Amino acid sequence: MFFTVTMFLKLRFSFTAKIVKKLNIRLMKKQILSLMLLCTSISVYAQRRKIKMNKSHIKLKKGKEKVK
């Protein structure tokens, strides 16, 4: 009984997986593209933040040097 149930589920899963794959190829492409865009935007934002942080750090250093 258990064996037949698992076999049925496996067949069912593989069948649904095939359908899902066919449907999701387009969706996946869009998702991958959106994820890539998101990652790039996050990295760009992080780089900008780092640059801003570095600039402020340099300003602080210059200010300290002037005080001396």
PDB file of N, CA and C in Angstrom:
ATOM      1  N   MET A   1       0.834  -1.211   0.000  1.00  0.00           N
ATOM      2  CA  MET A   1       0.000   0.000   0.000  1.00  0.00           C
ATOM      3  C   MET A   1       0.873   1.266   0.000  1.00  0.00           C
ATOM      4  N   PHE A   2       1.811   1.317   0.949  1.00  0.00           N
ATOM      5  CA  PHE A   2       2.687   2.485   1.070  1.00  0.00           C
ATOM      6  C   PHE A   2       3.503   2.693  -0.208  1.00  0.00           C
ATOM      7  N   PHE A   3       4.022   1.577  -0.731  1.00  0.00           N
ATOM      8  CA  PHE A   3       4.836   1.624  -1.954  1.00  0.00           C
ATOM      9  C   PHE A   3       4.049   2.242  -3.115  1.00  0.00           C
ATOM     10  N   THR A   4       2.822   1.793  -3.281  1.00  0.00           N
ATOM     11  CA  THR A   4       1.994   2.303  -4.384  1.00  0.00           C
ATOM     12  C   THR A   4       1.694   3.791  -4.188  1.00  0.00           C
ATOM     13  N   VAL A   5       1.462   4.173  -2.959  1.00  0.00           N
ATOM     14  CA  VAL A   5       1.178   5.593  -2.668  1.00  0.00           C
ATOM     15  C   VAL A   5       2.386   6.451  -3.020  1.00  0.00           C
ATOM     16  N   THR A   6       3.574   5.996  -2.599  1.00  0.00           N
ATOM     17  CA  THR A   6       4.791   6.763  -2.892  1.00  0.00           C
ATOM     18  C   THR A   6       5.036   6.823  -4.399  1.00  0.00           C
ATOM     19  N   MET A   7       4.823   5.711  -5.077  1.00  0.00           N
ATOM     20  CA  MET A   7       4.999   5.674  -6.535  1.00  0.00           C
ATOM     21  C   MET A   7       4.040   6.647  -7.205  1.00  0.00           C
ATOM     22  N   PHE A   8       2.796   6.634  -6.757  1.00  0.00           N
ATOM     23  CA  PHE A   8       1.785   7.530  -7.306  1.00  0.00           C
ATOM     24  C   PHE A   8       2.186   8.990  -7.073  1.00  0.00           C
ATOM     25  N   LEU A   9       2.639   9.274  -5.847  1.00  0.00           N
ATOM     26  CA  LEU A   9       3.062  10.641  -5.519  1.00  0.00           C
ATOM     27  C   LEU A   9       4.249  11.065  -6.376  1.00  0.00           C
ATOM     28  N   LYS A  10       5.199  10.145  -6.565  1.00  0.00           N
ATOM     29  CA  LYS A  10       6.368  10.450  -7.396  1.00  0.00           C
ATOM     30  C   LYS A  10       5.946  10.759  -8.821  1.00  0.00           C
ATOM     31  N   LEU A  11       5.072   9.903  -9.358  1.00  0.00           N
ATOM     32  CA  LEU A  11       4.582  10.128 -10.722  1.00  0.00           C
ATOM     33  C   LEU A  11       3.842  11.460 -10.808  1.00  0.00           C
ATOM     34  N   ARG A  12       2.983  11.672  -9.835  1.00  0.00           N
ATOM     35  CA  ARG A  12       2.207  12.901  -9.776  1.00  0.00           C
ATOM     36  C   ARG A  12       3.135  14.111  -9.691  1.00  0.00           C
ATOM     37  N   PHE A  13       4.137  14.016  -8.825  1.00  0.00           N
ATOM     38  CA  PHE A  13       5.088  15.114  -8.635  1.00  0.00           C
ATOM     39  C   PHE A  13       5.852  15.413  -9.917  1.00  0.00           C
ATOM     40  N   SER A  14       6.339  14.341 -10.554  1.00  0.00           N
ATOM     41  CA  SER A  14       7.106  14.524 -11.794  1.00  0.00           C
ATOM     42  C   SER A  14       6.214  15.145 -12.877  1.00  0.00           C
ATOM     43  N   PHE A  15       4.967  14.713 -12.936  1.00  0.00           N
ATOM     44  CA  PHE A  15       4.021  15.237 -13.925  1.00  0.00           C
ATOM     45  C   PHE A  15       3.764  16.725 -13.678  1.00  0.00           C
ATOM     46  N   THR A  16       3.475  17.070 -12.421  1.00  0.00           N
ATOM     47  CA  THR A  16       3.223  18.471 -12.075  1.00  0.00           C
ATOM     48  C   THR A  16       4.488  19.292 -12.260  1.00  0.00           C
ATOM     49  N   ALA A  17       5.648  18.707 -11.928  1.00  0.00           N
ATOM     50  CA  ALA A  17       6.920  19.407 -12.082  1.00  0.00           C
ATOM     51  C   ALA A  17       7.148  19.770 -13.546  1.00  0.00           C
ATOM     52  N   LYS A  18       6.823  18.831 -14.456  1.00  0.00           N
ATOM     53  CA  LYS A  18       6.977  19.096 -15.887  1.00  0.00           C
ATOM     54  C   LYS A  18       6.103  20.270 -16.314  1.00  0.00           C
ATOM     55  N   ILE A  19       4.854  20.255 -15.866  1.00  0.00           N
ATOM     56  CA  ILE A  19       3.916  21.335 -16.207  1.00  0.00           C
ATOM     57  C   ILE A  19       4.425  22.652 -15.634  1.00  0.00           C
ATOM     58  N   VAL A  20       4.844  22.601 -14.378  1.00  0.00           N
ATOM     59  CA  VAL A  20       5.336  23.800 -13.694  1.00  0.00           C
ATOM     60  C   VAL A  20       6.570  24.341 -14.403  1.00  0.00           C
ATOM     61  N   LYS A  21       7.471  23.444 -14.796  1.00  0.00           N
ATOM     62  CA  LYS A  21       8.679  23.866 -15.519  1.00  0.00           C
ATOM     63  C   LYS A  21       8.311  24.579 -16.800  1.00  0.00           C
ATOM     64  N   LYS A  22       7.377  23.978 -17.552  1.00  0.00           N
ATOM     65  CA  LYS A  22       6.953  24.591 -18.819  1.00  0.00           C
ATOM     66  C   LYS A  22       6.375  25.985 -18.576  1.00  0.00           C
ATOM     67  N   LEU A  23       5.543  26.104 -17.537  1.00  0.00           N
ATOM     68  CA  LEU A  23       4.929  27.392 -17.231  1.00  0.00           C
ATOM     69  C   LEU A  23       5.939  28.375 -16.658  1.00  0.00           C
ATOM     70  N   ASN A  24       6.829  27.857 -15.815  1.00  0.00           N
ATOM     71  CA  ASN A  24       7.727  28.736 -15.058  1.00  0.00           C
ATOM     72  C   ASN A  24       8.965  29.199 -15.804  1.00  0.00           C
ATOM     73  N   ILE A  25       9.235  28.634 -16.972  1.00  0.00           N
ATOM     74  CA  ILE A  25      10.445  29.050 -17.691  1.00  0.00           C
ATOM     75  C   ILE A  25      10.407  30.559 -17.920  1.00  0.00           C
ATOM     76  N   ARG A  26       9.277  31.069 -18.370  1.00  0.00           N
ATOM     77  CA  ARG A  26       9.136  32.513 -18.606  1.00  0.00           C
ATOM     78  C   ARG A  26       9.197  33.279 -17.292  1.00  0.00           C
ATOM     79  N   LEU A  27       8.453  32.785 -16.290  1.00  0.00           N
ATOM     80  CA  LEU A  27       8.430  33.435 -14.981  1.00  0.00           C
ATOM     81  C   LEU A  27       9.818  33.440 -14.352  1.00  0.00           C
ATOM     82  N   MET A  28      10.508  32.305 -14.467  1.00  0.00           N
ATOM     83  CA  MET A  28      11.847  32.187 -13.890  1.00  0.00           C
ATOM     84  C   MET A  28      12.796  33.192 -14.521  1.00  0.00           C
ATOM     85  N   LYS A  29      12.719  33.329 -15.834  1.00  0.00           N
ATOM     86  CA  LYS A  29      13.578  34.291 -16.526  1.00  0.00           C
ATOM     87  C   LYS A  29      13.339  35.691 -15.975  1.00  0.00           C
ATOM     88  N   LYS A  30      12.071  36.057 -15.820  1.00  0.00           N
ATOM     89  CA  LYS A  30      11.730  37.373 -15.274  1.00  0.00           C
ATOM     90  C   LYS A  30      12.236  37.513 -13.849  1.00  0.00           C
ATOM     91  N   GLN A  31      12.044  36.471 -13.045  1.00  0.00           N
ATOM     92  CA  GLN A  31      12.481  36.496 -11.643  1.00  0.00           C
ATOM     93  C   GLN A  31      13.992  36.627 -11.552  1.00  0.00           C
ATOM     94  N   ILE A  32      14.704  35.853 -12.381  1.00  0.00           N
ATOM     95  CA  ILE A  32      16.174  35.891 -12.373  1.00  0.00           C
ATOM     96  C   ILE A  32      16.646  37.290 -12.750  1.00  0.00           C
ATOM     97  N   LEU A  33      16.033  37.849 -13.782  1.00  0.00           N
ATOM     98  CA  LEU A  33      16.407  39.197 -14.219  1.00  0.00           C
ATOM     99  C   LEU A  33      16.151  40.216 -13.113  1.00  0.00           C
ATOM    100  N   SER A  34      14.983  40.108 -12.473  1.00  0.00           N
ATOM    101  CA  SER A  34      14.644  41.044 -11.398  1.00  0.00           C
ATOM    102  C   SER A  34      15.592  40.881 -10.221  1.00  0.00           C
ATOM    103  N   LEU A  35      15.934  39.623  -9.901  1.00  0.00           N
ATOM    104  CA  LEU A  35      16.878  39.361  -8.809  1.00  0.00           C
ATOM    105  C   LEU A  35      18.249  39.944  -9.126  1.00  0.00           C
ATOM    106  N   MET A  36      18.692  39.758 -10.380  1.00  0.00           N
ATOM    107  CA  MET A  36      19.988  40.294 -10.797  1.00  0.00           C
ATOM    108  C   MET A  36      19.985  41.810 -10.693  1.00  0.00           C
ATOM    109  N   LEU A  37      18.903  42.431 -11.158  1.00  0.00           N
ATOM    110  CA  LEU A  37      18.780  43.890 -11.074  1.00  0.00           C
ATOM    111  C   LEU A  37      18.805  44.340  -9.621  1.00  0.00           C
ATOM    112  N   LEU A  38      18.076  43.617  -8.768  1.00  0.00           N
ATOM    113  CA  LEU A  38      18.028  43.938  -7.343  1.00  0.00           C
ATOM    114  C   LEU A  38      19.419  43.853  -6.732  1.00  0.00           C
ATOM    115  N   CYS A  39      20.129  42.765  -7.032  1.00  0.00           N
ATOM    116  CA  CYS A  39      21.483  42.571  -6.489  1.00  0.00           C
ATOM    117  C   CYS A  39      22.418  43.681  -6.950  1.00  0.00           C
ATOM    118  N   THR A  40      22.357  44.015  -8.237  1.00  0.00           N
ATOM    119  CA  THR A  40      23.233  45.063  -8.770  1.00  0.00           C
ATOM    120  C   THR A  40      22.911  46.406  -8.133  1.00  0.00           C
ATOM    121  N   SER A  41      21.618  46.697  -7.972  1.00  0.00           N
ATOM    122  CA  SER A  41      21.226  47.971  -7.366  1.00  0.00           C
ATOM    123  C   SER A  41      21.690  48.037  -5.911  1.00  0.00           C
ATOM    124  N   ILE A  42      21.577  46.907  -5.207  1.00  0.00           N
ATOM    125  CA  ILE A  42      22.018  46.854  -3.811  1.00  0.00           C
ATOM    126  C   ILE A  42      23.530  47.071  -3.732  1.00  0.00           C
ATOM    127  N   SER A  43      24.284  46.419  -4.623  1.00  0.00           N
ATOM    128  CA  SER A  43      25.744  46.557  -4.613  1.00  0.00           C
ATOM    129  C   SER A  43      26.142  47.991  -4.953  1.00  0.00           C
ATOM    130  N   VAL A  44      25.449  48.584  -5.933  1.00  0.00           N
ATOM    131  CA  VAL A  44      25.722  49.969  -6.318  1.00  0.00           C
ATOM    132  C   VAL A  44      25.434  50.892  -5.135  1.00  0.00           C
ATOM    133  N   TYR A  45      24.296  50.666  -4.477  1.00  0.00           N
ATOM    134  CA  TYR A  45      23.920  51.467  -3.306  1.00  0.00           C
ATOM    135  C   TYR A  45      24.964  51.329  -2.206  1.00  0.00           C
ATOM    136  N   ALA A  46      25.405  50.082  -1.983  1.00  0.00           N
ATOM    137  CA  ALA A  46      26.413  49.826  -0.950  1.00  0.00           C
ATOM    138  C   ALA A  46      27.716  50.544  -1.297  1.00  0.00           C
ATOM    139  N   GLN A  47      28.104  50.492  -2.563  1.00  0.00           N
ATOM    140  CA  GLN A  47      29.323  51.177  -2.997  1.00  0.00           C
ATOM    141  C   GLN A  47      29.192  52.679  -2.781  1.00  0.00           C
ATOM    142  N   ARG A  48      28.044  53.234  -3.123  1.00  0.00           N
ATOM    143  CA  ARG A  48      27.816  54.668  -2.918  1.00  0.00           C
ATOM    144  C   ARG A  48      27.908  55.013  -1.443  1.00  0.00           C
ATOM    145  N   ARG A  49      27.280  54.178  -0.615  1.00  0.00           N
ATOM    146  CA  ARG A  49      27.333  54.391   0.830  1.00  0.00           C
ATOM    147  C   ARG A  49      28.776  54.352   1.316  1.00  0.00           C
ATOM    148  N   LYS A  50      29.551  53.369   0.820  1.00  0.00           N
ATOM    149  CA  LYS A  50      30.958  53.244   1.207  1.00  0.00           C
ATOM    150  C   LYS A  50      31.724  54.493   0.805  1.00  0.00           C
ATOM    151  N   ILE A  51      31.469  54.970  -0.418  1.00  0.00           N
ATOM    152  CA  ILE A  51      32.143  56.166  -0.921  1.00  0.00           C
ATOM    153  C   ILE A  51      31.798  57.359  -0.024  1.00  0.00           C
ATOM    154  N   LYS A  52      30.511  57.492   0.315  1.00  0.00           N
ATOM    155  CA  LYS A  52      30.077  58.570   1.195  1.00  0.00           C
ATOM    156  C   LYS A  52      30.758  58.458   2.553  1.00  0.00           C
ATOM    157  N   MET A  53      30.792  57.232   3.077  1.00  0.00           N
ATOM    158  CA  MET A  53      31.432  56.992   4.366  1.00  0.00           C
ATOM    159  C   MET A  53      32.913  57.365   4.286  1.00  0.00           C
ATOM    160  N   ASN A  54      33.565  56.944   3.212  1.00  0.00           N
ATOM    161  CA  ASN A  54      34.987  57.245   3.027  1.00  0.00           C
ATOM    162  C   ASN A  54      35.214  58.752   2.951  1.00  0.00           C
ATOM    163  N   LYS A  55      34.355  59.446   2.199  1.00  0.00           N
ATOM    164  CA  LYS A  55      34.477  60.895   2.062  1.00  0.00           C
ATOM    165  C   LYS A  55      34.339  61.571   3.418  1.00  0.00           C
ATOM    166  N   SER A  56      33.345  61.152   4.194  1.00  0.00           N
ATOM    167  CA  SER A  56      33.133  61.743   5.514  1.00  0.00           C
ATOM    168  C   SER A  56      34.325  61.429   6.416  1.00  0.00           C
ATOM    169  N   HIS A  57      34.871  60.213   6.283  1.00  0.00           N
ATOM    170  CA  HIS A  57      36.028  59.784   7.080  1.00  0.00           C
ATOM    171  C   HIS A  57      37.242  60.662   6.736  1.00  0.00           C
ATOM    172  N   ILE A  58      37.416  60.909   5.429  1.00  0.00           N
ATOM    173  CA  ILE A  58      38.529  61.748   4.970  1.00  0.00           C
ATOM    174  C   ILE A  58      38.349  63.162   5.526  1.00  0.00           C
ATOM    175  N   LYS A  59      37.116  63.667   5.467  1.00  0.00           N
ATOM    176  CA  LYS A  59      36.822  65.008   5.992  1.00  0.00           C
ATOM    177  C   LYS A  59      37.168  65.087   7.470  1.00  0.00           C
ATOM    178  N   LEU A  60      36.791  64.041   8.204  1.00  0.00           N
ATOM    179  CA  LEU A  60      37.092  64.004   9.639  1.00  0.00           C
ATOM    180  C   LEU A  60      38.603  64.021   9.864  1.00  0.00           C
ATOM    181  N   LYS A  61      39.321  63.217   9.091  1.00  0.00           N
ATOM    182  CA  LYS A  61      40.779  63.164   9.213  1.00  0.00           C
ATOM    183  C   LYS A  61      41.379  64.539   8.931  1.00  0.00           C
ATOM    184  N   LYS A  62      40.929  65.190   7.856  1.00  0.00           N
ATOM    185  CA  LYS A  62      41.435  66.514   7.487  1.00  0.00           C
ATOM    186  C   LYS A  62      41.157  67.510   8.606  1.00  0.00           C
ATOM    187  N   GLY A  63      39.944  67.415   9.156  1.00  0.00           N
ATOM    188  CA  GLY A  63      39.562  68.314  10.244  1.00  0.00           C
ATOM    189  C   GLY A  63      40.481  68.136  11.439  1.00  0.00           C
ATOM    190  N   LYS A  64      40.791  66.895  11.788  1.00  0.00           N
ATOM    191  CA  LYS A  64      41.667  66.586  12.918  1.00  0.00           C
ATOM    192  C   LYS A  64      43.075  67.135  12.655  1.00  0.00           C
ATOM    193  N   GLU A  65      43.520  66.990  11.402  1.00  0.00           N
ATOM    194  CA  GLU A  65      44.853  67.488  11.037  1.00  0.00           C
ATOM    195  C   GLU A  65      44.907  69.011  11.184  1.00  0.00           C
ATOM    196  N   LYS A  66      43.830  69.671  10.784  1.00  0.00           N
ATOM    197  CA  LYS A  66      43.776  71.133  10.881  1.00  0.00           C
ATOM    198  C   LYS A  66      43.823  71.573  12.342  1.00  0.00           C
ATOM    199  N   VAL A  67      43.145  70.811  13.200  1.00  0.00           N
ATOM    200  CA  VAL A  67      43.113  71.136  14.628  1.00  0.00           C
ATOM    201  C   VAL A  67      44.527  71.063  15.216  1.00  0.00           C
ATOM    202  N   LYS A  68      45.280  70.046  14.789  1.00  0.00           N
ATOM    203  CA  LYS A  68      46.666  69.899  15.259  1.00  0.00           C
ATOM    204  C   LYS A  68      47.495  71.093  14.779  1.00  0.00           C
TER     205      LYS A  68
END
